[in-house]
């Protein structure tokens, strides 16, 4: 059973920082890609950043230079460091992963982030 548990969301003022965590129930060495997405009501879930098994990262243009995705092998955890937050970053943030075997995408339950102006 693959489980992902996000944490770290909350309320922050514009210009502030938050670090989201995504703890996974599988060894990170079994994972192909991991990513962070976000969604606001009435919109599609959008990709924020992802990291591959080789350690390559990619960030959406809207967060480039402000957000950083990373992972900790020892803790089987992925992070999203969010700096210089803007009100438009307000959303529910979800983490996901795909294993090296199989094609299923697994999702966490989401953690809300609210940035006040």
PDB file of N, CA and C in Angstrom:
ATOM      1  N   UNK A   1       0.849  -1.187   0.000  1.00  0.00           N
ATOM      2  CA  UNK A   1       0.000   0.000   0.000  1.00  0.00           C
ATOM      3  C   UNK A   1       0.889   1.243   0.000  1.00  0.00           C
ATOM      4  N   UNK A   2       0.731   2.060  -1.036  1.00  0.00           N
ATOM      5  CA  UNK A   2       1.513   3.283  -1.139  1.00  0.00           C
ATOM      6  C   UNK A   2       0.714   4.415  -0.518  1.00  0.00           C
ATOM      7  N   UNK A   3       1.309   5.089   0.440  1.00  0.00           N
ATOM      8  CA  UNK A   3       0.645   6.215   1.090  1.00  0.00           C
ATOM      9  C   UNK A   3       1.539   7.436   1.069  1.00  0.00           C
ATOM     10  N   UNK A   4       0.914   8.590   0.878  1.00  0.00           N
ATOM     11  CA  UNK A   4       1.609   9.866   0.902  1.00  0.00           C
ATOM     12  C   UNK A   4       0.878  10.778   1.885  1.00  0.00           C
ATOM     13  N   UNK A   5       1.606  11.427   2.750  1.00  0.00           N
ATOM     14  CA  UNK A   5       1.005  12.302   3.752  1.00  0.00           C
ATOM     15  C   UNK A   5       1.694  13.658   3.703  1.00  0.00           C
ATOM     16  N   UNK A   6       0.921  14.677   3.286  1.00  0.00           N
ATOM     17  CA  UNK A   6       1.462  16.039   3.234  1.00  0.00           C
ATOM     18  C   UNK A   6       1.282  16.727   4.578  1.00  0.00           C
ATOM     19  N   UNK A   7       2.148  17.667   4.841  1.00  0.00           N
ATOM     20  CA  UNK A   7       2.033  18.516   6.022  1.00  0.00           C
ATOM     21  C   UNK A   7       2.787  19.811   5.767  1.00  0.00           C
ATOM     22  N   UNK A   8       2.552  20.786   6.636  1.00  0.00           N
ATOM     23  CA  UNK A   8       3.288  22.041   6.545  1.00  0.00           C
ATOM     24  C   UNK A   8       2.513  23.210   5.988  1.00  0.00           C
ATOM     25  N   UNK A   9       1.307  22.958   5.511  1.00  0.00           N
ATOM     26  CA  UNK A   9       0.512  24.059   4.994  1.00  0.00           C
ATOM     27  C   UNK A   9       0.018  24.951   6.114  1.00  0.00           C
ATOM     28  N   UNK A  10      -0.551  26.088   5.716  1.00  0.00           N
ATOM     29  CA  UNK A  10      -1.076  27.007   6.720  1.00  0.00           C
ATOM     30  C   UNK A  10      -1.304  28.385   6.164  1.00  0.00           C
ATOM     31  N   UNK A  11      -1.448  29.336   7.058  1.00  0.00           N
ATOM     32  CA  UNK A  11      -1.692  30.732   6.706  1.00  0.00           C
ATOM     33  C   UNK A  11      -0.398  31.520   6.882  1.00  0.00           C
ATOM     34  N   UNK A  12      -0.044  32.294   5.868  1.00  0.00           N
ATOM     35  CA  UNK A  12       1.176  33.088   5.925  1.00  0.00           C
ATOM     36  C   UNK A  12       0.941  34.407   5.199  1.00  0.00           C
ATOM     37  N   UNK A  13       1.640  35.430   5.608  1.00  0.00           N
ATOM     38  CA  UNK A  13       1.520  36.724   4.932  1.00  0.00           C
ATOM     39  C   UNK A  13       2.348  36.727   3.654  1.00  0.00           C
ATOM     40  N   UNK A  14       1.955  37.563   2.726  1.00  0.00           N
ATOM     41  CA  UNK A  14       2.714  37.708   1.490  1.00  0.00           C
ATOM     42  C   UNK A  14       4.158  38.056   1.799  1.00  0.00           C
ATOM     43  N   UNK A  15       5.068  37.413   1.085  1.00  0.00           N
ATOM     44  CA  UNK A  15       6.496  37.591   1.324  1.00  0.00           C
ATOM     45  C   UNK A  15       7.078  36.580   2.277  1.00  0.00           C
ATOM     46  N   UNK A  16       6.219  35.842   2.941  1.00  0.00           N
ATOM     47  CA  UNK A  16       6.665  34.847   3.909  1.00  0.00           C
ATOM     48  C   UNK A  16       7.062  33.531   3.264  1.00  0.00           C
ATOM     49  N   UNK A  17       7.376  32.564   4.123  1.00  0.00           N
ATOM     50  CA  UNK A  17       7.849  31.255   3.662  1.00  0.00           C
ATOM     51  C   UNK A  17       7.107  30.128   4.373  1.00  0.00           C
ATOM     52  N   UNK A  18       7.024  29.013   3.682  1.00  0.00           N
ATOM     53  CA  UNK A  18       6.513  27.771   4.252  1.00  0.00           C
ATOM     54  C   UNK A  18       7.323  26.629   3.650  1.00  0.00           C
ATOM     55  N   UNK A  19       7.421  25.518   4.395  1.00  0.00           N
ATOM     56  CA  UNK A  19       7.999  24.313   3.838  1.00  0.00           C
ATOM     57  C   UNK A  19       6.995  23.179   3.965  1.00  0.00           C
ATOM     58  N   UNK A  20       6.615  22.658   2.815  1.00  0.00           N
ATOM     59  CA  UNK A  20       5.712  21.520   2.781  1.00  0.00           C
ATOM     60  C   UNK A  20       6.516  20.229   2.799  1.00  0.00           C
ATOM     61  N   UNK A  21       5.967  19.228   3.457  1.00  0.00           N
ATOM     62  CA  UNK A  21       6.588  17.907   3.503  1.00  0.00           C
ATOM     63  C   UNK A  21       5.621  16.873   2.957  1.00  0.00           C
ATOM     64  N   UNK A  22       6.174  15.849   2.343  1.00  0.00           N
ATOM     65  CA  UNK A  22       5.381  14.736   1.831  1.00  0.00           C
ATOM     66  C   UNK A  22       6.094  13.459   2.257  1.00  0.00           C
ATOM     67  N   UNK A  23       5.583  12.816   3.280  1.00  0.00           N
ATOM     68  CA  UNK A  23       6.161  11.563   3.765  1.00  0.00           C
ATOM     69  C   UNK A  23       5.524  10.401   3.011  1.00  0.00           C
ATOM     70  N   UNK A  24       6.352   9.514   2.487  1.00  0.00           N
ATOM     71  CA  UNK A  24       5.840   8.400   1.689  1.00  0.00           C
ATOM     72  C   UNK A  24       6.141   7.077   2.388  1.00  0.00           C
ATOM     73  N   UNK A  25       5.299   6.083   2.082  1.00  0.00           N
ATOM     74  CA  UNK A  25       5.406   4.793   2.773  1.00  0.00           C
ATOM     75  C   UNK A  25       6.299   3.801   2.049  1.00  0.00           C
ATOM     76  N   UNK A  26       6.904   4.233   0.934  1.00  0.00           N
ATOM     77  CA  UNK A  26       7.788   3.345   0.189  1.00  0.00           C
ATOM     78  C   UNK A  26       9.189   3.936   0.165  1.00  0.00           C
ATOM     79  N   UNK A  27      10.158   3.055  -0.027  1.00  0.00           N
ATOM     80  CA  UNK A  27      11.530   3.517  -0.132  1.00  0.00           C
ATOM     81  C   UNK A  27      11.689   4.392  -1.369  1.00  0.00           C
ATOM     82  N   UNK A  28      12.313   5.544  -1.174  1.00  0.00           N
ATOM     83  CA  UNK A  28      12.451   6.504  -2.283  1.00  0.00           C
ATOM     84  C   UNK A  28      13.191   5.893  -3.469  1.00  0.00           C
ATOM     85  N   UNK A  29      14.032   4.885  -3.215  1.00  0.00           N
ATOM     86  CA  UNK A  29      14.771   4.262  -4.311  1.00  0.00           C
ATOM     87  C   UNK A  29      13.842   3.491  -5.248  1.00  0.00           C
ATOM     88  N   UNK A  30      12.604   3.227  -4.835  1.00  0.00           N
ATOM     89  CA  UNK A  30      11.628   2.551  -5.691  1.00  0.00           C
ATOM     90  C   UNK A  30      10.829   3.531  -6.548  1.00  0.00           C
ATOM     91  N   UNK A  31      11.063   4.831  -6.343  1.00  0.00           N
ATOM     92  CA  UNK A  31      10.226   5.846  -6.968  1.00  0.00           C
ATOM     93  C   UNK A  31      10.855   6.374  -8.252  1.00  0.00           C
ATOM     94  N   UNK A  32      10.025   6.535  -9.271  1.00  0.00           N
ATOM     95  CA  UNK A  32      10.466   7.096 -10.546  1.00  0.00           C
ATOM     96  C   UNK A  32      10.453   8.625 -10.458  1.00  0.00           C
ATOM     97  N   UNK A  33       9.289   9.191 -10.275  1.00  0.00           N
ATOM     98  CA  UNK A  33       9.189  10.641 -10.146  1.00  0.00           C
ATOM     99  C   UNK A  33       8.291  10.993  -8.960  1.00  0.00           C
ATOM    100  N   UNK A  34       8.561  12.146  -8.391  1.00  0.00           N
ATOM    101  CA  UNK A  34       7.721  12.707  -7.342  1.00  0.00           C
ATOM    102  C   UNK A  34       7.443  14.153  -7.705  1.00  0.00           C
ATOM    103  N   UNK A  35       6.259  14.613  -7.349  1.00  0.00           N
ATOM    104  CA  UNK A  35       5.926  15.973  -7.731  1.00  0.00           C
ATOM    105  C   UNK A  35       4.991  16.656  -6.761  1.00  0.00           C
ATOM    106  N   UNK A  36       4.937  17.956  -6.905  1.00  0.00           N
ATOM    107  CA  UNK A  36       3.988  18.795  -6.167  1.00  0.00           C
ATOM    108  C   UNK A  36       3.043  19.453  -7.176  1.00  0.00           C
ATOM    109  N   UNK A  37       1.766  19.414  -6.864  1.00  0.00           N
ATOM    110  CA  UNK A  37       0.736  20.062  -7.659  1.00  0.00           C
ATOM    111  C   UNK A  37      -0.056  20.961  -6.724  1.00  0.00           C
ATOM    112  N   UNK A  38      -0.818  21.871  -7.332  1.00  0.00           N
ATOM    113  CA  UNK A  38      -1.720  22.701  -6.536  1.00  0.00           C
ATOM    114  C   UNK A  38      -3.015  22.923  -7.287  1.00  0.00           C
ATOM    115  N   UNK A  39      -4.045  23.209  -6.508  1.00  0.00           N
ATOM    116  CA  UNK A  39      -5.370  23.372  -7.108  1.00  0.00           C
ATOM    117  C   UNK A  39      -6.176  24.373  -6.302  1.00  0.00           C
ATOM    118  N   UNK A  40      -6.859  25.252  -7.030  1.00  0.00           N
ATOM    119  CA  UNK A  40      -7.809  26.174  -6.426  1.00  0.00           C
ATOM    120  C   UNK A  40      -9.204  25.790  -6.900  1.00  0.00           C
ATOM    121  N   UNK A  41     -10.238  26.193  -6.164  1.00  0.00           N
ATOM    122  CA  UNK A  41     -11.606  25.798  -6.532  1.00  0.00           C
ATOM    123  C   UNK A  41     -11.951  26.189  -7.969  1.00  0.00           C
ATOM    124  N   UNK A  42     -12.514  25.259  -8.693  1.00  0.00           N
ATOM    125  CA  UNK A  42     -12.956  25.529 -10.051  1.00  0.00           C
ATOM    126  C   UNK A  42     -11.867  25.485 -11.099  1.00  0.00           C
ATOM    127  N   UNK A  43     -10.662  25.113 -10.694  1.00  0.00           N
ATOM    128  CA  UNK A  43      -9.566  25.047 -11.666  1.00  0.00           C
ATOM    129  C   UNK A  43      -8.965  23.652 -11.697  1.00  0.00           C
ATOM    130  N   UNK A  44      -8.201  23.379 -12.751  1.00  0.00           N
ATOM    131  CA  UNK A  44      -7.519  22.095 -12.832  1.00  0.00           C
ATOM    132  C   UNK A  44      -6.276  22.096 -11.951  1.00  0.00           C
ATOM    133  N   UNK A  45      -5.912  20.920 -11.520  1.00  0.00           N
ATOM    134  CA  UNK A  45      -4.698  20.779 -10.738  1.00  0.00           C
ATOM    135  C   UNK A  45      -3.506  21.104 -11.642  1.00  0.00           C
ATOM    136  N   UNK A  46      -2.591  21.947 -11.151  1.00  0.00           N
ATOM    137  CA  UNK A  46      -1.450  22.337 -11.971  1.00  0.00           C
ATOM    138  C   UNK A  46      -0.145  21.878 -11.333  1.00  0.00           C
ATOM    139  N   UNK A  47       0.801  21.547 -12.189  1.00  0.00           N
ATOM    140  CA  UNK A  47       2.112  21.108 -11.725  1.00  0.00           C
ATOM    141  C   UNK A  47       2.895  22.294 -11.169  1.00  0.00           C
ATOM    142  N   UNK A  48       3.478  22.085  -9.996  1.00  0.00           N
ATOM    143  CA  UNK A  48       4.327  23.102  -9.386  1.00  0.00           C
ATOM    144  C   UNK A  48       5.798  22.759  -9.600  1.00  0.00           C
ATOM    145  N   UNK A  49       6.145  21.506  -9.305  1.00  0.00           N
ATOM    146  CA  UNK A  49       7.535  21.072  -9.460  1.00  0.00           C
ATOM    147  C   UNK A  49       7.583  19.558  -9.411  1.00  0.00           C
ATOM    148  N   UNK A  50       8.615  18.981 -10.026  1.00  0.00           N
ATOM    149  CA  UNK A  50       8.808  17.544  -9.889  1.00  0.00           C
ATOM    150  C   UNK A  50      10.288  17.231  -9.814  1.00  0.00           C
ATOM    151  N   UNK A  51      10.584  16.035  -9.305  1.00  0.00           N
ATOM    152  CA  UNK A  51      11.963  15.567  -9.166  1.00  0.00           C
ATOM    153  C   UNK A  51      11.997  14.119  -9.640  1.00  0.00           C
ATOM    154  N   UNK A  52      13.023  13.790 -10.422  1.00  0.00           N
ATOM    155  CA  UNK A  52      13.134  12.450 -10.985  1.00  0.00           C
ATOM    156  C   UNK A  52      14.004  11.558 -10.100  1.00  0.00           C
ATOM    157  N   UNK A  53      14.032  10.278 -10.456  1.00  0.00           N
ATOM    158  CA  UNK A  53      14.843   9.334  -9.691  1.00  0.00           C
ATOM    159  C   UNK A  53      16.321   9.699  -9.760  1.00  0.00           C
ATOM    160  N   UNK A  54      16.714  10.364 -10.834  1.00  0.00           N
ATOM    161  CA  UNK A  54      18.108  10.770 -10.970  1.00  0.00           C
ATOM    162  C   UNK A  54      18.434  12.070 -10.275  1.00  0.00           C
ATOM    163  N   UNK A  55      17.409  12.717  -9.714  1.00  0.00           N
ATOM    164  CA  UNK A  55      17.641  13.952  -8.985  1.00  0.00           C
ATOM    165  C   UNK A  55      17.410  15.220  -9.778  1.00  0.00           C
ATOM    166  N   UNK A  56      17.040  15.071 -11.050  1.00  0.00           N
ATOM    167  CA  UNK A  56      16.733  16.272 -11.855  1.00  0.00           C
ATOM    168  C   UNK A  56      15.439  16.896 -11.367  1.00  0.00           C
ATOM    169  N   UNK A  57      15.398  18.208 -11.405  1.00  0.00           N
ATOM    170  CA  UNK A  57      14.203  18.919 -10.950  1.00  0.00           C
ATOM    171  C   UNK A  57      13.695  19.850 -12.036  1.00  0.00           C
ATOM    172  N   UNK A  58      12.427  20.156 -11.936  1.00  0.00           N
ATOM    173  CA  UNK A  58      11.800  21.091 -12.853  1.00  0.00           C
ATOM    174  C   UNK A  58      10.741  21.857 -12.078  1.00  0.00           C
ATOM    175  N   UNK A  59      10.747  23.180 -12.241  1.00  0.00           N
ATOM    176  CA  UNK A  59       9.786  24.028 -11.539  1.00  0.00           C
ATOM    177  C   UNK A  59       8.968  24.826 -12.538  1.00  0.00           C
ATOM    178  N   UNK A  60       7.693  25.005 -12.245  1.00  0.00           N
ATOM    179  CA  UNK A  60       6.837  25.820 -13.090  1.00  0.00           C
ATOM    180  C   UNK A  60       7.384  27.244 -13.144  1.00  0.00           C
ATOM    181  N   UNK A  61       7.176  27.893 -14.263  1.00  0.00           N
ATOM    182  CA  UNK A  61       7.682  29.263 -14.418  1.00  0.00           C
ATOM    183  C   UNK A  61       7.151  30.186 -13.316  1.00  0.00           C
ATOM    184  N   UNK A  62       5.920  29.957 -12.898  1.00  0.00           N
ATOM    185  CA  UNK A  62       5.289  30.836 -11.917  1.00  0.00           C
ATOM    186  C   UNK A  62       5.958  30.763 -10.536  1.00  0.00           C
ATOM    187  N   UNK A  63       6.724  29.704 -10.285  1.00  0.00           N
ATOM    188  CA  UNK A  63       7.356  29.556  -8.966  1.00  0.00           C
ATOM    189  C   UNK A  63       8.878  29.512  -9.057  1.00  0.00           C
ATOM    190  N   UNK A  64       9.411  29.532 -10.257  1.00  0.00           N
ATOM    191  CA  UNK A  64      10.859  29.429 -10.442  1.00  0.00           C
ATOM    192  C   UNK A  64      11.566  30.562  -9.706  1.00  0.00           C
ATOM    193  N   UNK A  65      12.591  30.194  -8.965  1.00  0.00           N
ATOM    194  CA  UNK A  65      13.338  31.182  -8.194  1.00  0.00           C
ATOM    195  C   UNK A  65      12.767  31.442  -6.813  1.00  0.00           C
ATOM    196  N   UNK A  66      11.552  30.935  -6.557  1.00  0.00           N
ATOM    197  CA  UNK A  66      10.921  31.126  -5.242  1.00  0.00           C
ATOM    198  C   UNK A  66      10.703  29.798  -4.518  1.00  0.00           C
ATOM    199  N   UNK A  67      10.362  28.751  -5.261  1.00  0.00           N
ATOM    200  CA  UNK A  67      10.092  27.435  -4.683  1.00  0.00           C
ATOM    201  C   UNK A  67      11.226  26.480  -5.052  1.00  0.00           C
ATOM    202  N   UNK A  68      11.499  25.540  -4.149  1.00  0.00           N
ATOM    203  CA  UNK A  68      12.519  24.537  -4.412  1.00  0.00           C
ATOM    204  C   UNK A  68      12.029  23.171  -3.938  1.00  0.00           C
ATOM    205  N   UNK A  69      12.057  22.209  -4.852  1.00  0.00           N
ATOM    206  CA  UNK A  69      11.698  20.839  -4.515  1.00  0.00           C
ATOM    207  C   UNK A  69      12.958  20.073  -4.128  1.00  0.00           C
ATOM    208  N   UNK A  70      12.814  19.198  -3.135  1.00  0.00           N
ATOM    209  CA  UNK A  70      13.962  18.385  -2.717  1.00  0.00           C
ATOM    210  C   UNK A  70      13.442  17.112  -2.066  1.00  0.00           C
ATOM    211  N   UNK A  71      14.349  16.205  -1.742  1.00  0.00           N
ATOM    212  CA  UNK A  71      13.934  14.972  -1.082  1.00  0.00           C
ATOM    213  C   UNK A  71      15.038  14.516  -0.131  1.00  0.00           C
ATOM    214  N   UNK A  72      14.619  13.737   0.855  1.00  0.00           N
ATOM    215  CA  UNK A  72      15.535  13.188   1.852  1.00  0.00           C
ATOM    216  C   UNK A  72      15.385  11.677   1.830  1.00  0.00           C
ATOM    217  N   UNK A  73      16.408  10.981   1.329  1.00  0.00           N
ATOM    218  CA  UNK A  73      16.337   9.530   1.214  1.00  0.00           C
ATOM    219  C   UNK A  73      16.159   8.868   2.567  1.00  0.00           C
ATOM    220  N   UNK A  74      16.872   9.369   3.558  1.00  0.00           N
ATOM    221  CA  UNK A  74      16.843   8.730   4.881  1.00  0.00           C
ATOM    222  C   UNK A  74      15.454   8.802   5.511  1.00  0.00           C
ATOM    223  N   UNK A  75      14.720   9.863   5.191  1.00  0.00           N
ATOM    224  CA  UNK A  75      13.401  10.058   5.799  1.00  0.00           C
ATOM    225  C   UNK A  75      12.259   9.686   4.864  1.00  0.00           C
ATOM    226  N   UNK A  76      12.587   9.226   3.653  1.00  0.00           N
ATOM    227  CA  UNK A  76      11.539   8.916   2.668  1.00  0.00           C
ATOM    228  C   UNK A  76      10.545  10.073   2.555  1.00  0.00           C
ATOM    229  N   UNK A  77      11.076  11.259   2.437  1.00  0.00           N
ATOM    230  CA  UNK A  77      10.249  12.453   2.451  1.00  0.00           C
ATOM    231  C   UNK A  77      10.677  13.409   1.344  1.00  0.00           C
ATOM    232  N   UNK A  78       9.690  14.036   0.726  1.00  0.00           N
ATOM    233  CA  UNK A  78       9.928  15.079  -0.272  1.00  0.00           C
ATOM    234  C   UNK A  78       9.496  16.412   0.322  1.00  0.00           C
ATOM    235  N   UNK A  79      10.144  17.470  -0.094  1.00  0.00           N
ATOM    236  CA  UNK A  79       9.841  18.787   0.447  1.00  0.00           C
ATOM    237  C   UNK A  79       9.564  19.783  -0.673  1.00  0.00           C
ATOM    238  N   UNK A  80       8.859  20.839  -0.309  1.00  0.00           N
ATOM    239  CA  UNK A  80       8.711  21.990  -1.191  1.00  0.00           C
ATOM    240  C   UNK A  80       8.950  23.228  -0.333  1.00  0.00           C
ATOM    241  N   UNK A  81      10.102  23.836  -0.504  1.00  0.00           N
ATOM    242  CA  UNK A  81      10.413  25.083   0.196  1.00  0.00           C
ATOM    243  C   UNK A  81       9.824  26.227  -0.614  1.00  0.00           C
ATOM    244  N   UNK A  82       8.958  26.988   0.013  1.00  0.00           N
ATOM    245  CA  UNK A  82       8.270  28.078  -0.676  1.00  0.00           C
ATOM    246  C   UNK A  82       8.658  29.399  -0.026  1.00  0.00           C
ATOM    247  N   UNK A  83       9.332  30.235  -0.767  1.00  0.00           N
ATOM    248  CA  UNK A  83       9.753  31.555  -0.288  1.00  0.00           C
ATOM    249  C   UNK A  83       9.061  32.639  -1.095  1.00  0.00           C
ATOM    250  N   UNK A  84       9.087  33.847  -0.574  1.00  0.00           N
ATOM    251  CA  UNK A  84       8.501  35.009  -1.257  1.00  0.00           C
ATOM    252  C   UNK A  84       7.082  34.693  -1.725  1.00  0.00           C
ATOM    253  N   UNK A  85       6.292  34.151  -0.841  1.00  0.00           N
ATOM    254  CA  UNK A  85       4.943  33.723  -1.212  1.00  0.00           C
ATOM    255  C   UNK A  85       4.073  34.897  -1.617  1.00  0.00           C
ATOM    256  N   UNK A  86       3.198  34.634  -2.576  1.00  0.00           N
ATOM    257  CA  UNK A  86       2.271  35.643  -3.088  1.00  0.00           C
ATOM    258  C   UNK A  86       0.841  35.162  -2.863  1.00  0.00           C
ATOM    259  N   UNK A  87      -0.111  36.085  -2.821  1.00  0.00           N
ATOM    260  CA  UNK A  87      -1.517  35.667  -2.661  1.00  0.00           C
ATOM    261  C   UNK A  87      -1.952  34.664  -3.726  1.00  0.00           C
ATOM    262  N   UNK A  88      -1.412  34.776  -4.928  1.00  0.00           N
ATOM    263  CA  UNK A  88      -1.798  33.848  -5.996  1.00  0.00           C
ATOM    264  C   UNK A  88      -1.234  32.442  -5.800  1.00  0.00           C
ATOM    265  N   UNK A  89      -0.403  32.242  -4.787  1.00  0.00           N
ATOM    266  CA  UNK A  89       0.069  30.903  -4.454  1.00  0.00           C
ATOM    267  C   UNK A  89      -0.935  30.159  -3.574  1.00  0.00           C
ATOM    268  N   UNK A  90      -1.977  30.855  -3.147  1.00  0.00           N
ATOM    269  CA  UNK A  90      -3.006  30.233  -2.325  1.00  0.00           C
ATOM    270  C   UNK A  90      -3.659  29.083  -3.071  1.00  0.00           C
ATOM    271  N   UNK A  91      -3.659  27.896  -2.462  1.00  0.00           N
ATOM    272  CA  UNK A  91      -4.196  26.699  -3.105  1.00  0.00           C
ATOM    273  C   UNK A  91      -4.086  25.538  -2.130  1.00  0.00           C
ATOM    274  N   UNK A  92      -4.675  24.413  -2.521  1.00  0.00           N
ATOM    275  CA  UNK A  92      -4.394  23.150  -1.836  1.00  0.00           C
ATOM    276  C   UNK A  92      -3.242  22.496  -2.593  1.00  0.00           C
ATOM    277  N   UNK A  93      -2.223  22.115  -1.871  1.00  0.00           N
ATOM    278  CA  UNK A  93      -1.034  21.527  -2.471  1.00  0.00           C
ATOM    279  C   UNK A  93      -1.052  20.011  -2.255  1.00  0.00           C
ATOM    280  N   UNK A  94      -0.795  19.299  -3.344  1.00  0.00           N
ATOM    281  CA  UNK A  94      -0.800  17.841  -3.325  1.00  0.00           C
ATOM    282  C   UNK A  94       0.565  17.310  -3.767  1.00  0.00           C
ATOM    283  N   UNK A  95       0.992  16.221  -3.155  1.00  0.00           N
ATOM    284  CA  UNK A  95       2.171  15.547  -3.666  1.00  0.00           C
ATOM    285  C   UNK A  95       1.743  14.259  -4.355  1.00  0.00           C
ATOM    286  N   UNK A  96       2.544  13.832  -5.312  1.00  0.00           N
ATOM    287  CA  UNK A  96       2.260  12.567  -5.974  1.00  0.00           C
ATOM    288  C   UNK A  96       3.555  11.841  -6.285  1.00  0.00           C
ATOM    289  N   UNK A  97       3.412  10.581  -6.650  1.00  0.00           N
ATOM    290  CA  UNK A  97       4.589   9.820  -7.061  1.00  0.00           C
ATOM    291  C   UNK A  97       4.198   8.714  -8.024  1.00  0.00           C
ATOM    292  N   UNK A  98       5.188   8.309  -8.796  1.00  0.00           N
ATOM    293  CA  UNK A  98       5.071   7.133  -9.654  1.00  0.00           C
ATOM    294  C   UNK A  98       6.248   6.219  -9.329  1.00  0.00           C
ATOM    295  N   UNK A  99       5.947   4.939  -9.200  1.00  0.00           N
ATOM    296  CA  UNK A  99       7.004   3.981  -8.907  1.00  0.00           C
ATOM    297  C   UNK A  99       7.757   3.612 -10.184  1.00  0.00           C
ATOM    298  N   UNK A 100       8.939   3.057 -10.012  1.00  0.00           N
ATOM    299  CA  UNK A 100       9.698   2.562 -11.160  1.00  0.00           C
ATOM    300  C   UNK A 100       8.969   1.405 -11.834  1.00  0.00           C
ATOM    301  N   UNK A 101       8.189   0.668 -11.071  1.00  0.00           N
ATOM    302  CA  UNK A 101       7.389  -0.420 -11.628  1.00  0.00           C
ATOM    303  C   UNK A 101       5.927   0.013 -11.654  1.00  0.00           C
ATOM    304  N   UNK A 102       5.244  -0.275 -12.764  1.00  0.00           N
ATOM    305  CA  UNK A 102       3.837   0.064 -12.861  1.00  0.00           C
ATOM    306  C   UNK A 102       3.607   1.470 -13.400  1.00  0.00           C
ATOM    307  N   UNK A 103       2.339   1.774 -13.625  1.00  0.00           N
ATOM    308  CA  UNK A 103       1.971   3.065 -14.217  1.00  0.00           C
ATOM    309  C   UNK A 103       1.049   3.884 -13.331  1.00  0.00           C
ATOM    310  N   UNK A 104       0.748   3.401 -12.145  1.00  0.00           N
ATOM    311  CA  UNK A 104      -0.175   4.111 -11.260  1.00  0.00           C
ATOM    312  C   UNK A 104       0.474   5.363 -10.703  1.00  0.00           C
ATOM    313  N   UNK A 105      -0.328   6.440 -10.636  1.00  0.00           N
ATOM    314  CA  UNK A 105       0.089   7.659  -9.953  1.00  0.00           C
ATOM    315  C   UNK A 105      -0.616   7.705  -8.608  1.00  0.00           C
ATOM    316  N   UNK A 106       0.150   7.873  -7.555  1.00  0.00           N
ATOM    317  CA  UNK A 106      -0.397   7.925  -6.205  1.00  0.00           C
ATOM    318  C   UNK A 106      -0.408   9.368  -5.707  1.00  0.00           C
ATOM    319  N   UNK A 107      -1.473   9.712  -4.964  1.00  0.00           N
ATOM    320  CA  UNK A 107      -1.644  11.090  -4.501  1.00  0.00           C
ATOM    321  C   UNK A 107      -1.808  11.139  -2.992  1.00  0.00           C
ATOM    322  N   UNK A 108      -1.372  12.242  -2.423  1.00  0.00           N
ATOM    323  CA  UNK A 108      -1.655  12.520  -1.029  1.00  0.00           C
ATOM    324  C   UNK A 108      -3.008  13.194  -0.893  1.00  0.00           C
ATOM    325  N   UNK A 109      -3.360  13.532   0.338  1.00  0.00           N
ATOM    326  CA  UNK A 109      -4.695  14.085   0.603  1.00  0.00           C
ATOM    327  C   UNK A 109      -4.730  15.602   0.434  1.00  0.00           C
ATOM    328  N   UNK A 110      -3.576  16.226   0.325  1.00  0.00           N
ATOM    329  CA  UNK A 110      -3.518  17.669   0.132  1.00  0.00           C
ATOM    330  C   UNK A 110      -3.333  18.433   1.435  1.00  0.00           C
ATOM    331  N   UNK A 111      -2.652  19.561   1.329  1.00  0.00           N
ATOM    332  CA  UNK A 111      -2.487  20.457   2.474  1.00  0.00           C
ATOM    333  C   UNK A 111      -2.747  21.888   1.990  1.00  0.00           C
ATOM    334  N   UNK A 112      -3.607  22.627   2.681  1.00  0.00           N
ATOM    335  CA  UNK A 112      -3.969  23.964   2.199  1.00  0.00           C
ATOM    336  C   UNK A 112      -2.924  25.006   2.568  1.00  0.00           C
ATOM    337  N   UNK A 113      -2.690  25.910   1.632  1.00  0.00           N
ATOM    338  CA  UNK A 113      -1.809  27.053   1.830  1.00  0.00           C
ATOM    339  C   UNK A 113      -2.599  28.312   1.508  1.00  0.00           C
ATOM    340  N   UNK A 114      -2.607  29.245   2.447  1.00  0.00           N
ATOM    341  CA  UNK A 114      -3.290  30.519   2.240  1.00  0.00           C
ATOM    342  C   UNK A 114      -2.294  31.640   2.467  1.00  0.00           C
ATOM    343  N   UNK A 115      -2.153  32.496   1.460  1.00  0.00           N
ATOM    344  CA  UNK A 115      -1.239  33.633   1.535  1.00  0.00           C
ATOM    345  C   UNK A 115      -2.066  34.909   1.558  1.00  0.00           C
ATOM    346  N   UNK A 116      -1.964  35.636   2.635  1.00  0.00           N
ATOM    347  CA  UNK A 116      -2.743  36.868   2.775  1.00  0.00           C
ATOM    348  C   UNK A 116      -1.940  38.067   2.279  1.00  0.00           C
ATOM    349  N   UNK A 117      -2.658  39.027   1.745  1.00  0.00           N
ATOM    350  CA  UNK A 117      -1.981  40.220   1.194  1.00  0.00           C
ATOM    351  C   UNK A 117      -1.804  41.293   2.259  1.00  0.00           C
TER     352      UNK A 117
END
